[in-house]
């Protein structure tokens, strides 16, 4: 796999009052717990059991059989941030 340093990837997730998506660029994206229906219904323990997939291009939550992608997160943030303006 040839991943350049200019590729933005997910490094880790932090769960507090929202889901914090930490990127390798140092940026932080915040998602609400109702980002997807499965995430909304999951408890914190189920969410904390995740693994990065695609080298950081996505996240798999095996306990709830849910995958989310960085590209989907970015589309969500753009559309919701524009609606909030």
C-alpha atoms as a PDB file:
ATOM      1  CA  UNK A   1       0.000   0.000   0.000  1.00  0.00           C
ATOM      2  CA  UNK A   2       1.407   3.342  -1.019  1.00  0.00           C
ATOM      3  CA  UNK A   3       0.084   5.964   1.403  1.00  0.00           C
ATOM      4  CA  UNK A   4       1.598   9.411   1.064  1.00  0.00           C
ATOM      5  CA  UNK A   5       1.875  11.749   4.015  1.00  0.00           C
ATOM      6  CA  UNK A   6      -0.563  14.103   2.292  1.00  0.00           C
ATOM      7  CA  UNK A   7      -3.368  11.538   2.619  1.00  0.00           C
ATOM      8  CA  UNK A   8      -5.776  12.428   5.398  1.00  0.00           C
ATOM      9  CA  UNK A   9      -6.617   9.426   7.562  1.00  0.00           C
ATOM     10  CA  UNK A  10      -8.395   8.681  10.813  1.00  0.00           C
ATOM     11  CA  UNK A  11      -5.966   8.018  13.669  1.00  0.00           C
ATOM     12  CA  UNK A  12      -8.398   7.309  16.490  1.00  0.00           C
ATOM     13  CA  UNK A  13     -11.812   7.994  17.954  1.00  0.00           C
ATOM     14  CA  UNK A  14     -12.548   9.518  21.351  1.00  0.00           C
ATOM     15  CA  UNK A  15     -15.966   9.175  22.965  1.00  0.00           C
ATOM     16  CA  UNK A  16     -17.184  11.868  25.331  1.00  0.00           C
ATOM     17  CA  UNK A  17     -20.153  14.195  24.837  1.00  0.00           C
ATOM     18  CA  UNK A  18     -19.771  13.461  21.102  1.00  0.00           C
ATOM     19  CA  UNK A  19     -17.635  11.247  18.887  1.00  0.00           C
ATOM     20  CA  UNK A  20     -14.288  12.928  18.244  1.00  0.00           C
ATOM     21  CA  UNK A  21     -12.577  11.783  15.070  1.00  0.00           C
ATOM     22  CA  UNK A  22      -8.848  12.494  15.340  1.00  0.00           C
ATOM     23  CA  UNK A  23      -7.074  12.798  11.997  1.00  0.00           C
ATOM     24  CA  UNK A  24      -3.400  12.333  11.152  1.00  0.00           C
ATOM     25  CA  UNK A  25      -3.331  15.980  10.050  1.00  0.00           C
ATOM     26  CA  UNK A  26      -4.007  17.115  13.608  1.00  0.00           C
ATOM     27  CA  UNK A  27      -7.570  18.084  12.710  1.00  0.00           C
ATOM     28  CA  UNK A  28     -10.528  17.017  14.806  1.00  0.00           C
ATOM     29  CA  UNK A  29     -14.007  16.260  13.500  1.00  0.00           C
ATOM     30  CA  UNK A  30     -16.963  16.002  15.856  1.00  0.00           C
ATOM     31  CA  UNK A  31     -19.913  13.720  15.192  1.00  0.00           C
ATOM     32  CA  UNK A  32     -23.117  13.418  17.164  1.00  0.00           C
ATOM     33  CA  UNK A  33     -24.077  10.024  18.551  1.00  0.00           C
ATOM     34  CA  UNK A  34     -27.056  10.015  16.185  1.00  0.00           C
ATOM     35  CA  UNK A  35     -24.722  10.010  13.155  1.00  0.00           C
ATOM     36  CA  UNK A  36     -26.219   6.620  12.237  1.00  0.00           C
ATOM     37  CA  UNK A  37     -29.101   4.693  13.742  1.00  0.00           C
ATOM     38  CA  UNK A  38     -26.835   1.835  14.858  1.00  0.00           C
ATOM     39  CA  UNK A  39     -24.402   4.201  16.554  1.00  0.00           C
ATOM     40  CA  UNK A  40     -27.304   6.004  18.205  1.00  0.00           C
ATOM     41  CA  UNK A  41     -28.599   2.729  19.692  1.00  0.00           C
ATOM     42  CA  UNK A  42     -25.159   1.469  20.785  1.00  0.00           C
ATOM     43  CA  UNK A  43     -23.731   1.835  24.261  1.00  0.00           C
ATOM     44  CA  UNK A  44     -20.324   3.324  24.917  1.00  0.00           C
ATOM     45  CA  UNK A  45     -18.657  -0.077  25.402  1.00  0.00           C
ATOM     46  CA  UNK A  46     -19.874  -1.255  21.995  1.00  0.00           C
ATOM     47  CA  UNK A  47     -18.575   1.910  20.351  1.00  0.00           C
ATOM     48  CA  UNK A  48     -15.197   1.759  22.043  1.00  0.00           C
ATOM     49  CA  UNK A  49     -14.669  -1.646  20.447  1.00  0.00           C
ATOM     50  CA  UNK A  50     -13.743  -0.358  16.996  1.00  0.00           C
ATOM     51  CA  UNK A  51     -10.960  -0.855  14.504  1.00  0.00           C
ATOM     52  CA  UNK A  52      -9.664   1.339  11.744  1.00  0.00           C
ATOM     53  CA  UNK A  53     -10.143  -0.081   8.266  1.00  0.00           C
ATOM     54  CA  UNK A  54      -8.586   0.816   4.938  1.00  0.00           C
ATOM     55  CA  UNK A  55      -5.515   2.150   6.686  1.00  0.00           C
ATOM     56  CA  UNK A  56      -7.590   4.818   8.442  1.00  0.00           C
ATOM     57  CA  UNK A  57     -10.069   5.557   5.670  1.00  0.00           C
ATOM     58  CA  UNK A  58     -12.883   4.147   7.770  1.00  0.00           C
ATOM     59  CA  UNK A  59     -13.949   2.615  11.068  1.00  0.00           C
ATOM     60  CA  UNK A  60     -15.567  -0.752  11.771  1.00  0.00           C
ATOM     61  CA  UNK A  61     -17.663  -1.334  14.895  1.00  0.00           C
ATOM     62  CA  UNK A  62     -17.949  -5.146  15.110  1.00  0.00           C
ATOM     63  CA  UNK A  63     -20.347  -5.188  18.070  1.00  0.00           C
ATOM     64  CA  UNK A  64     -22.996  -3.291  16.093  1.00  0.00           C
ATOM     65  CA  UNK A  65     -21.957  -4.393  12.571  1.00  0.00           C
ATOM     66  CA  UNK A  66     -21.437  -0.804  11.408  1.00  0.00           C
ATOM     67  CA  UNK A  67     -18.842   0.737   9.113  1.00  0.00           C
ATOM     68  CA  UNK A  68     -18.336   4.458   8.621  1.00  0.00           C
ATOM     69  CA  UNK A  69     -15.928   6.136   6.223  1.00  0.00           C
ATOM     70  CA  UNK A  70     -13.925   9.323   6.418  1.00  0.00           C
ATOM     71  CA  UNK A  71     -15.412  10.425   3.102  1.00  0.00           C
ATOM     72  CA  UNK A  72     -18.924   9.898   4.520  1.00  0.00           C
ATOM     73  CA  UNK A  73     -18.031  11.819   7.667  1.00  0.00           C
ATOM     74  CA  UNK A  74     -16.716  14.707   5.570  1.00  0.00           C
ATOM     75  CA  UNK A  75     -19.861  14.760   3.397  1.00  0.00           C
ATOM     76  CA  UNK A  76     -21.989  14.766   6.550  1.00  0.00           C
ATOM     77  CA  UNK A  77     -19.969  17.603   8.123  1.00  0.00           C
ATOM     78  CA  UNK A  78     -20.112  19.727   4.979  1.00  0.00           C
ATOM     79  CA  UNK A  79     -23.862  19.295   4.512  1.00  0.00           C
ATOM     80  CA  UNK A  80     -24.690  19.836   8.184  1.00  0.00           C
ATOM     81  CA  UNK A  81     -22.307  22.757   8.658  1.00  0.00           C
ATOM     82  CA  UNK A  82     -23.798  24.453   5.592  1.00  0.00           C
ATOM     83  CA  UNK A  83     -27.325  23.947   6.961  1.00  0.00           C
ATOM     84  CA  UNK A  84     -26.283  25.455  10.283  1.00  0.00           C
ATOM     85  CA  UNK A  85     -24.990  28.623   8.614  1.00  0.00           C
END
